[in-house]
Amino acid sequence: MKFPKEIRTYCPKCKKHTLMKVKIASKGRARSMAIGTRKHDRSLLGHGGKRAGEKTVKKQGKRQKLMFTCSVCSKKIERVLQGRTKKKVEIER
């Protein structure tokens, strides 16, 4: 799915519609020693074939997130793209 580089949408900080830059939101680096990660890895032990840290099944598509940056106040707003799963999202140049 192609998406424009700039879009005019509502900014909650300015309380009006402004021109916003669009960027695909990227996931941050996972902390391997976080308590949730350690609990999840411990729960996978004993299940044959599912070792901690290995993916077994590939998803067909994921819910893509877009990061909008207001050109007036530079507030960043994260928004899920139409709540549907997409294989690929491109930003038009």
PDB file of N, CA and C in Angstrom:
ATOM      1  N   MET A   1       0.846  -1.173   0.000  1.00  0.00           N
ATOM      2  CA  MET A   1       0.000   0.000   0.000  1.00  0.00           C
ATOM      3  C   MET A   1       0.891   1.235   0.000  1.00  0.00           C
ATOM      4  N   LYS A   2       0.569   2.188  -0.867  1.00  0.00           N
ATOM      5  CA  LYS A   2       1.350   3.412  -0.950  1.00  0.00           C
ATOM      6  C   LYS A   2       0.679   4.495  -0.116  1.00  0.00           C
ATOM      7  N   PHE A   3       1.495   5.277   0.561  1.00  0.00           N
ATOM      8  CA  PHE A   3       0.992   6.328   1.442  1.00  0.00           C
ATOM      9  C   PHE A   3       1.757   7.615   1.132  1.00  0.00           C
ATOM     10  N   PRO A   4       1.105   8.794   1.130  1.00  0.00           N
ATOM     11  CA  PRO A   4       1.818  10.036   0.799  1.00  0.00           C
ATOM     12  C   PRO A   4       2.848  10.423   1.855  1.00  0.00           C
ATOM     13  N   LYS A   5       3.857  11.199   1.429  1.00  0.00           N
ATOM     14  CA  LYS A   5       4.938  11.619   2.330  1.00  0.00           C
ATOM     15  C   LYS A   5       4.448  12.637   3.345  1.00  0.00           C
ATOM     16  N   GLU A   6       3.507  13.492   2.942  1.00  0.00           N
ATOM     17  CA  GLU A   6       2.912  14.479   3.851  1.00  0.00           C
ATOM     18  C   GLU A   6       1.402  14.362   3.771  1.00  0.00           C
ATOM     19  N   ILE A   7       0.742  14.555   4.911  1.00  0.00           N
ATOM     20  CA  ILE A   7      -0.713  14.445   4.977  1.00  0.00           C
ATOM     21  C   ILE A   7      -1.238  15.542   5.900  1.00  0.00           C
ATOM     22  N   ARG A   8      -2.425  15.999   5.608  1.00  0.00           N
ATOM     23  CA  ARG A   8      -3.040  17.037   6.433  1.00  0.00           C
ATOM     24  C   ARG A   8      -4.024  16.360   7.367  1.00  0.00           C
ATOM     25  N   THR A   9      -3.725  16.374   8.666  1.00  0.00           N
ATOM     26  CA  THR A   9      -4.578  15.700   9.647  1.00  0.00           C
ATOM     27  C   THR A   9      -4.559  16.459  10.969  1.00  0.00           C
ATOM     28  N   TYR A  10      -5.386  16.016  11.925  1.00  0.00           N
ATOM     29  CA  TYR A  10      -5.594  16.727  13.184  1.00  0.00           C
ATOM     30  C   TYR A  10      -4.416  16.551  14.143  1.00  0.00           C
ATOM     31  N   CYS A  11      -3.979  17.671  14.740  1.00  0.00           N
ATOM     32  CA  CYS A  11      -2.931  17.652  15.758  1.00  0.00           C
ATOM     33  C   CYS A  11      -3.577  17.949  17.107  1.00  0.00           C
ATOM     34  N   PRO A  12      -3.474  17.044  18.079  1.00  0.00           N
ATOM     35  CA  PRO A  12      -4.114  17.275  19.381  1.00  0.00           C
ATOM     36  C   PRO A  12      -3.460  18.398  20.193  1.00  0.00           C
ATOM     37  N   LYS A  13      -2.196  18.710  19.903  1.00  0.00           N
ATOM     38  CA  LYS A  13      -1.522  19.774  20.643  1.00  0.00           C
ATOM     39  C   LYS A  13      -1.916  21.149  20.099  1.00  0.00           C
ATOM     40  N   CYS A  14      -1.926  21.275  18.768  1.00  0.00           N
ATOM     41  CA  CYS A  14      -2.335  22.549  18.133  1.00  0.00           C
ATOM     42  C   CYS A  14      -3.854  22.713  18.134  1.00  0.00           C
ATOM     43  N   LYS A  15      -4.589  21.616  18.295  1.00  0.00           N
ATOM     44  CA  LYS A  15      -6.052  21.566  18.262  1.00  0.00           C
ATOM     45  C   LYS A  15      -6.614  22.059  16.932  1.00  0.00           C
ATOM     46  N   LYS A  16      -5.920  21.719  15.855  1.00  0.00           N
ATOM     47  CA  LYS A  16      -6.401  22.038  14.508  1.00  0.00           C
ATOM     48  C   LYS A  16      -5.725  21.109  13.507  1.00  0.00           C
ATOM     49  N   HIS A  17      -6.192  21.137  12.268  1.00  0.00           N
ATOM     50  CA  HIS A  17      -5.597  20.337  11.212  1.00  0.00           C
ATOM     51  C   HIS A  17      -4.336  21.022  10.701  1.00  0.00           C
ATOM     52  N   THR A  18      -3.245  20.277  10.649  1.00  0.00           N
ATOM     53  CA  THR A  18      -1.971  20.806  10.155  1.00  0.00           C
ATOM     54  C   THR A  18      -1.354  19.813   9.190  1.00  0.00           C
ATOM     55  N   LEU A  19      -0.346  20.264   8.474  1.00  0.00           N
ATOM     56  CA  LEU A  19       0.401  19.392   7.572  1.00  0.00           C
ATOM     57  C   LEU A  19       1.385  18.561   8.398  1.00  0.00           C
ATOM     58  N   MET A  20       1.372  17.257   8.200  1.00  0.00           N
ATOM     59  CA  MET A  20       2.237  16.370   8.983  1.00  0.00           C
ATOM     60  C   MET A  20       3.098  15.515   8.070  1.00  0.00           C
ATOM     61  N   LYS A  21       4.341  15.282   8.499  1.00  0.00           N
ATOM     62  CA  LYS A  21       5.236  14.374   7.791  1.00  0.00           C
ATOM     63  C   LYS A  21       4.922  12.953   8.234  1.00  0.00           C
ATOM     64  N   VAL A  22       5.002  12.021   7.304  1.00  0.00           N
ATOM     65  CA  VAL A  22       4.660  10.623   7.576  1.00  0.00           C
ATOM     66  C   VAL A  22       5.920   9.778   7.525  1.00  0.00           C
ATOM     67  N   LYS A  23       6.072   8.881   8.526  1.00  0.00           N
ATOM     68  CA  LYS A  23       7.201   7.968   8.584  1.00  0.00           C
ATOM     69  C   LYS A  23       6.694   6.640   9.125  1.00  0.00           C
ATOM     70  N   ILE A  24       7.240   5.531   8.640  1.00  0.00           N
ATOM     71  CA  ILE A  24       6.845   4.222   9.164  1.00  0.00           C
ATOM     72  C   ILE A  24       7.510   4.037  10.515  1.00  0.00           C
ATOM     73  N   ALA A  25       6.710   3.748  11.546  1.00  0.00           N
ATOM     74  CA  ALA A  25       7.238   3.590  12.898  1.00  0.00           C
ATOM     75  C   ALA A  25       8.032   2.302  12.983  1.00  0.00           C
ATOM     76  N   SER A  26       9.232   2.388  13.558  1.00  0.00           N
ATOM     77  CA  SER A  26      10.071   1.206  13.696  1.00  0.00           C
ATOM     78  C   SER A  26      10.102   0.774  15.153  1.00  0.00           C
ATOM     79  N   LYS A  27      10.228  -0.511  15.343  1.00  0.00           N
ATOM     80  CA  LYS A  27      10.260  -1.080  16.688  1.00  0.00           C
ATOM     81  C   LYS A  27      11.630  -0.841  17.306  1.00  0.00           C
ATOM     82  N   GLY A  28      11.646  -0.524  18.594  1.00  0.00           N
ATOM     83  CA  GLY A  28      12.913  -0.343  19.297  1.00  0.00           C
ATOM     84  C   GLY A  28      13.569  -1.682  19.586  1.00  0.00           C
ATOM     85  N   ARG A  29      14.772  -1.632  20.091  1.00  0.00           N
ATOM     86  CA  ARG A  29      15.502  -2.858  20.390  1.00  0.00           C
ATOM     87  C   ARG A  29      14.951  -3.489  21.670  1.00  0.00           C
ATOM     88  N   ALA A  30      14.697  -4.786  21.639  1.00  0.00           N
ATOM     89  CA  ALA A  30      14.168  -5.498  22.796  1.00  0.00           C
ATOM     90  C   ALA A  30      15.274  -5.730  23.823  1.00  0.00           C
ATOM     91  N   ARG A  31      14.922  -5.583  25.103  1.00  0.00           N
ATOM     92  CA  ARG A  31      15.904  -5.840  26.169  1.00  0.00           C
ATOM     93  C   ARG A  31      15.846  -7.315  26.528  1.00  0.00           C
ATOM     94  N   SER A  32      16.934  -8.016  26.315  1.00  0.00           N
ATOM     95  CA  SER A  32      16.946  -9.461  26.522  1.00  0.00           C
ATOM     96  C   SER A  32      16.896  -9.830  28.005  1.00  0.00           C
ATOM     97  N   MET A  33      17.283  -8.906  28.879  1.00  0.00           N
ATOM     98  CA  MET A  33      17.283  -9.211  30.306  1.00  0.00           C
ATOM     99  C   MET A  33      16.077  -8.623  31.041  1.00  0.00           C
ATOM    100  N   ALA A  34      15.079  -8.115  30.295  1.00  0.00           N
ATOM    101  CA  ALA A  34      13.865  -7.592  30.930  1.00  0.00           C
ATOM    102  C   ALA A  34      13.097  -8.754  31.559  1.00  0.00           C
ATOM    103  N   ILE A  35      12.349  -8.476  32.638  1.00  0.00           N
ATOM    104  CA  ILE A  35      11.672  -9.543  33.380  1.00  0.00           C
ATOM    105  C   ILE A  35      10.630 -10.249  32.522  1.00  0.00           C
ATOM    106  N   GLY A  36       9.934  -9.518  31.654  1.00  0.00           N
ATOM    107  CA  GLY A  36       8.933 -10.129  30.784  1.00  0.00           C
ATOM    108  C   GLY A  36       9.547 -11.084  29.786  1.00  0.00           C
ATOM    109  N   THR A  37      10.701 -10.710  29.241  1.00  0.00           N
ATOM    110  CA  THR A  37      11.391 -11.575  28.284  1.00  0.00           C
ATOM    111  C   THR A  37      11.878 -12.841  28.967  1.00  0.00           C
ATOM    112  N   ARG A  38      12.396 -12.706  30.168  1.00  0.00           N
ATOM    113  CA  ARG A  38      12.896 -13.876  30.898  1.00  0.00           C
ATOM    114  C   ARG A  38      11.751 -14.809  31.281  1.00  0.00           C
ATOM    115  N   LYS A  39      10.601 -14.247  31.683  1.00  0.00           N
ATOM    116  CA  LYS A  39       9.442 -15.073  32.027  1.00  0.00           C
ATOM    117  C   LYS A  39       8.934 -15.822  30.802  1.00  0.00           C
ATOM    118  N   HIS A  40       8.892 -15.134  29.655  1.00  0.00           N
ATOM    119  CA  HIS A  40       8.415 -15.762  28.424  1.00  0.00           C
ATOM    120  C   HIS A  40       9.353 -16.887  27.993  1.00  0.00           C
ATOM    121  N   ASP A  41      10.662 -16.652  28.065  1.00  0.00           N
ATOM    122  CA  ASP A  41      11.632 -17.679  27.695  1.00  0.00           C
ATOM    123  C   ASP A  41      11.532 -18.885  28.624  1.00  0.00           C
ATOM    124  N   ARG A  42      11.285 -18.634  29.913  1.00  0.00           N
ATOM    125  CA  ARG A  42      11.150 -19.723  30.874  1.00  0.00           C
ATOM    126  C   ARG A  42       9.890 -20.534  30.586  1.00  0.00           C
ATOM    127  N   SER A  43       8.815 -19.860  30.130  1.00  0.00           N
ATOM    128  CA  SER A  43       7.571 -20.587  29.849  1.00  0.00           C
ATOM    129  C   SER A  43       7.698 -21.462  28.607  1.00  0.00           C
ATOM    130  N   LEU A  44       8.607 -21.100  27.699  1.00  0.00           N
ATOM    131  CA  LEU A  44       8.795 -21.912  26.491  1.00  0.00           C
ATOM    132  C   LEU A  44       9.631 -23.156  26.742  1.00  0.00           C
ATOM    133  N   LEU A  45      10.333 -23.220  27.849  1.00  0.00           N
ATOM    134  CA  LEU A  45      11.135 -24.397  28.166  1.00  0.00           C
ATOM    135  C   LEU A  45      10.213 -25.589  28.413  1.00  0.00           C
ATOM    136  N   GLY A  46      10.560 -26.739  27.899  1.00  0.00           N
ATOM    137  CA  GLY A  46       9.737 -27.928  28.086  1.00  0.00           C
ATOM    138  C   GLY A  46       8.768 -28.143  26.939  1.00  0.00           C
ATOM    139  N   HIS A  47       8.604 -27.135  26.062  1.00  0.00           N
ATOM    140  CA  HIS A  47       7.766 -27.322  24.884  1.00  0.00           C
ATOM    141  C   HIS A  47       8.704 -27.664  23.737  1.00  0.00           C
ATOM    142  N   GLY A  48       8.732 -28.929  23.329  1.00  0.00           N
ATOM    143  CA  GLY A  48       9.674 -29.366  22.306  1.00  0.00           C
ATOM    144  C   GLY A  48       9.454 -28.654  20.978  1.00  0.00           C
ATOM    145  N   GLY A  49      10.525 -28.243  20.337  1.00  0.00           N
ATOM    146  CA  GLY A  49      10.426 -27.592  19.043  1.00  0.00           C
ATOM    147  C   GLY A  49      10.318 -26.082  19.117  1.00  0.00           C
ATOM    148  N   LYS A  50       9.960 -25.551  20.291  1.00  0.00           N
ATOM    149  CA  LYS A  50       9.869 -24.102  20.455  1.00  0.00           C
ATOM    150  C   LYS A  50      10.961 -23.659  21.403  1.00  0.00           C
ATOM    151  N   ARG A  51      12.101 -23.349  20.882  1.00  0.00           N
ATOM    152  CA  ARG A  51      13.173 -22.870  21.732  1.00  0.00           C
ATOM    153  C   ARG A  51      13.056 -21.374  21.897  1.00  0.00           C
ATOM    154  N   ALA A  52      13.512 -20.877  23.009  1.00  0.00           N
ATOM    155  CA  ALA A  52      13.418 -19.452  23.294  1.00  0.00           C
ATOM    156  C   ALA A  52      14.174 -18.640  22.262  1.00  0.00           C
ATOM    157  N   GLY A  53      13.525 -17.645  21.702  1.00  0.00           N
ATOM    158  CA  GLY A  53      14.183 -16.773  20.746  1.00  0.00           C
ATOM    159  C   GLY A  53      14.031 -17.193  19.295  1.00  0.00           C
ATOM    160  N   GLU A  54      13.450 -18.354  19.035  1.00  0.00           N
ATOM    161  CA  GLU A  54      13.285 -18.809  17.656  1.00  0.00           C
ATOM    162  C   GLU A  54      11.845 -18.609  17.222  1.00  0.00           C
ATOM    163  N   LYS A  55      11.652 -18.147  15.989  1.00  0.00           N
ATOM    164  CA  LYS A  55      10.309 -18.021  15.444  1.00  0.00           C
ATOM    165  C   LYS A  55      10.001 -19.285  14.644  1.00  0.00           C
ATOM    166  N   THR A  56       8.789 -19.795  14.785  1.00  0.00           N
ATOM    167  CA  THR A  56       8.422 -21.004  14.084  1.00  0.00           C
ATOM    168  C   THR A  56       7.499 -20.726  12.908  1.00  0.00           C
ATOM    169  N   VAL A  57       6.584 -19.740  13.043  1.00  0.00           N
ATOM    170  CA  VAL A  57       5.590 -19.464  12.021  1.00  0.00           C
ATOM    171  C   VAL A  57       5.712 -18.007  11.592  1.00  0.00           C
ATOM    172  N   LYS A  58       5.662 -17.769  10.293  1.00  0.00           N
ATOM    173  CA  LYS A  58       5.723 -16.404   9.794  1.00  0.00           C
ATOM    174  C   LYS A  58       4.309 -15.885   9.582  1.00  0.00           C
ATOM    175  N   LYS A  59       4.043 -14.655  10.032  1.00  0.00           N
ATOM    176  CA  LYS A  59       2.730 -14.052   9.831  1.00  0.00           C
ATOM    177  C   LYS A  59       2.588 -13.608   8.376  1.00  0.00           C
ATOM    178  N   GLN A  60       1.367 -13.586   7.897  1.00  0.00           N
ATOM    179  CA  GLN A  60       1.108 -13.181   6.519  1.00  0.00           C
ATOM    180  C   GLN A  60       1.183 -11.664   6.355  1.00  0.00           C
ATOM    181  N   GLY A  61       0.870 -10.938   7.394  1.00  0.00           N
ATOM    182  CA  GLY A  61       0.944  -9.478   7.353  1.00  0.00           C
ATOM    183  C   GLY A  61       0.862  -8.960   8.769  1.00  0.00           C
ATOM    184  N   LYS A  62       1.205  -7.703   8.972  1.00  0.00           N
ATOM    185  CA  LYS A  62       1.136  -7.162  10.319  1.00  0.00           C
ATOM    186  C   LYS A  62       0.431  -5.816  10.290  1.00  0.00           C
ATOM    187  N   ARG A  63      -0.008  -5.366  11.447  1.00  0.00           N
ATOM    188  CA  ARG A  63      -0.665  -4.072  11.543  1.00  0.00           C
ATOM    189  C   ARG A  63       0.416  -3.001  11.536  1.00  0.00           C
ATOM    190  N   GLN A  64       0.507  -2.286  10.438  1.00  0.00           N
ATOM    191  CA  GLN A  64       1.563  -1.296  10.269  1.00  0.00           C
ATOM    192  C   GLN A  64       1.213  -0.024  11.036  1.00  0.00           C
ATOM    193  N   LYS A  65       2.235   0.559  11.666  1.00  0.00           N
ATOM    194  CA  LYS A  65       2.062   1.826  12.374  1.00  0.00           C
ATOM    195  C   LYS A  65       2.762   2.923  11.603  1.00  0.00           C
ATOM    196  N   LEU A  66       2.147   4.105  11.617  1.00  0.00           N
ATOM    197  CA  LEU A  66       2.746   5.271  10.991  1.00  0.00           C
ATOM    198  C   LEU A  66       2.998   6.321  12.055  1.00  0.00           C
ATOM    199  N   MET A  67       4.097   7.051  11.915  1.00  0.00           N
ATOM    200  CA  MET A  67       4.443   8.120  12.837  1.00  0.00           C
ATOM    201  C   MET A  67       4.227   9.443  12.110  1.00  0.00           C
ATOM    202  N   PHE A  68       3.299  10.254  12.624  1.00  0.00           N
ATOM    203  CA  PHE A  68       3.037  11.571  12.055  1.00  0.00           C
ATOM    204  C   PHE A  68       3.758  12.619  12.893  1.00  0.00           C
ATOM    205  N   THR A  69       4.452  13.547  12.246  1.00  0.00           N
ATOM    206  CA  THR A  69       5.149  14.634  12.937  1.00  0.00           C
ATOM    207  C   THR A  69       4.550  15.953  12.469  1.00  0.00           C
ATOM    208  N   CYS A  70       4.016  16.728  13.407  1.00  0.00           N
ATOM    209  CA  CYS A  70       3.374  18.004  13.094  1.00  0.00           C
ATOM    210  C   CYS A  70       4.441  19.000  12.639  1.00  0.00           C
ATOM    211  N   SER A  71       4.140  19.739  11.558  1.00  0.00           N
ATOM    212  CA  SER A  71       5.111  20.710  11.039  1.00  0.00           C
ATOM    213  C   SER A  71       5.111  22.006  11.847  1.00  0.00           C
ATOM    214  N   VAL A  72       4.045  22.251  12.640  1.00  0.00           N
ATOM    215  CA  VAL A  72       3.953  23.484  13.431  1.00  0.00           C
ATOM    216  C   VAL A  72       4.620  23.314  14.797  1.00  0.00           C
ATOM    217  N   CYS A  73       4.180  22.296  15.557  1.00  0.00           N
ATOM    218  CA  CYS A  73       4.683  22.122  16.931  1.00  0.00           C
ATOM    219  C   CYS A  73       5.634  20.936  17.069  1.00  0.00           C
ATOM    220  N   SER A  74       5.859  20.180  16.022  1.00  0.00           N
ATOM    221  CA  SER A  74       6.684  18.964  15.962  1.00  0.00           C
ATOM    222  C   SER A  74       6.310  17.898  16.994  1.00  0.00           C
ATOM    223  N   LYS A  75       5.015  17.805  17.313  1.00  0.00           N
ATOM    224  CA  LYS A  75       4.519  16.717  18.152  1.00  0.00           C
ATOM    225  C   LYS A  75       4.399  15.469  17.299  1.00  0.00           C
ATOM    226  N   LYS A  76       4.775  14.304  17.863  1.00  0.00           N
ATOM    227  CA  LYS A  76       4.708  13.049  17.131  1.00  0.00           C
ATOM    228  C   LYS A  76       3.476  12.271  17.569  1.00  0.00           C
ATOM    229  N   ILE A  77       2.743  11.760  16.590  1.00  0.00           N
ATOM    230  CA  ILE A  77       1.532  10.986  16.842  1.00  0.00           C
ATOM    231  C   ILE A  77       1.686   9.652  16.140  1.00  0.00           C
ATOM    232  N   GLU A  78       1.484   8.562  16.890  1.00  0.00           N
ATOM    233  CA  GLU A  78       1.582   7.224  16.325  1.00  0.00           C
ATOM    234  C   GLU A  78       0.180   6.736  16.017  1.00  0.00           C
ATOM    235  N   ARG A  79      -0.022   6.192  14.814  1.00  0.00           N
ATOM    236  CA  ARG A  79      -1.353   5.750  14.426  1.00  0.00           C
ATOM    237  C   ARG A  79      -1.257   4.444  13.664  1.00  0.00           C
ATOM    238  N   VAL A  80      -2.142   3.487  14.013  1.00  0.00           N
ATOM    239  CA  VAL A  80      -2.204   2.219  13.298  1.00  0.00           C
ATOM    240  C   VAL A  80      -2.939   2.466  11.996  1.00  0.00           C
ATOM    241  N   LEU A  81      -2.398   1.955  10.914  1.00  0.00           N
ATOM    242  CA  LEU A  81      -2.942   2.199   9.586  1.00  0.00           C
ATOM    243  C   LEU A  81      -4.219   1.405   9.369  1.00  0.00           C
ATOM    244  N   GLN A  82      -5.353   2.032   9.516  1.00  0.00           N
ATOM    245  CA  GLN A  82      -6.692   1.514   9.251  1.00  0.00           C
ATOM    246  C   GLN A  82      -7.018   0.216   9.985  1.00  0.00           C
ATOM    247  N   GLY A  83      -6.221  -0.177  10.964  1.00  0.00           N
ATOM    248  CA  GLY A  83      -6.514  -1.355  11.763  1.00  0.00           C
ATOM    249  C   GLY A  83      -6.513  -2.668  10.994  1.00  0.00           C
ATOM    250  N   ARG A  84      -5.964  -2.679   9.764  1.00  0.00           N
ATOM    251  CA  ARG A  84      -5.949  -3.873   8.930  1.00  0.00           C
ATOM    252  C   ARG A  84      -4.523  -4.366   8.794  1.00  0.00           C
ATOM    253  N   THR A  85      -4.377  -5.628   8.442  1.00  0.00           N
ATOM    254  CA  THR A  85      -3.037  -6.157   8.237  1.00  0.00           C
ATOM    255  C   THR A  85      -2.589  -5.866   6.814  1.00  0.00           C
ATOM    256  N   LYS A  86      -1.351  -5.432   6.685  1.00  0.00           N
ATOM    257  CA  LYS A  86      -0.787  -5.094   5.388  1.00  0.00           C
ATOM    258  C   LYS A  86       0.512  -5.884   5.211  1.00  0.00           C
ATOM    259  N   LYS A  87       0.769  -6.299   3.992  1.00  0.00           N
ATOM    260  CA  LYS A  87       2.047  -6.954   3.720  1.00  0.00           C
ATOM    261  C   LYS A  87       3.164  -5.937   3.705  1.00  0.00           C
ATOM    262  N   LYS A  88       2.921  -4.783   3.055  1.00  0.00           N
ATOM    263  CA  LYS A  88       3.981  -3.819   2.871  1.00  0.00           C
ATOM    264  C   LYS A  88       3.376  -2.418   2.786  1.00  0.00           C
ATOM    265  N   VAL A  89       4.016  -1.454   3.436  1.00  0.00           N
ATOM    266  CA  VAL A  89       3.591  -0.064   3.358  1.00  0.00           C
ATOM    267  C   VAL A  89       4.756   0.733   2.805  1.00  0.00           C
ATOM    268  N   GLU A  90       4.511   1.525   1.783  1.00  0.00           N
ATOM    269  CA  GLU A  90       5.540   2.363   1.167  1.00  0.00           C
ATOM    270  C   GLU A  90       5.164   3.816   1.349  1.00  0.00           C
ATOM    271  N   ILE A  91       6.154   4.664   1.580  1.00  0.00           N
ATOM    272  CA  ILE A  91       5.950   6.103   1.603  1.00  0.00           C
ATOM    273  C   ILE A  91       6.351   6.631   0.224  1.00  0.00           C
ATOM    274  N   GLU A  92       5.406   7.307  -0.440  1.00  0.00           N
ATOM    275  CA  GLU A  92       5.690   7.835  -1.776  1.00  0.00           C
ATOM    276  C   GLU A  92       6.690   8.969  -1.684  1.00  0.00           C
ATOM    277  N   ARG A  93       7.611   9.010  -2.603  1.00  0.00           N
ATOM    278  CA  ARG A  93       8.633  10.074  -2.611  1.00  0.00           C
ATOM    279  C   ARG A  93       8.203  11.203  -3.490  1.00  0.00           C
TER     280      ARG A  93
END
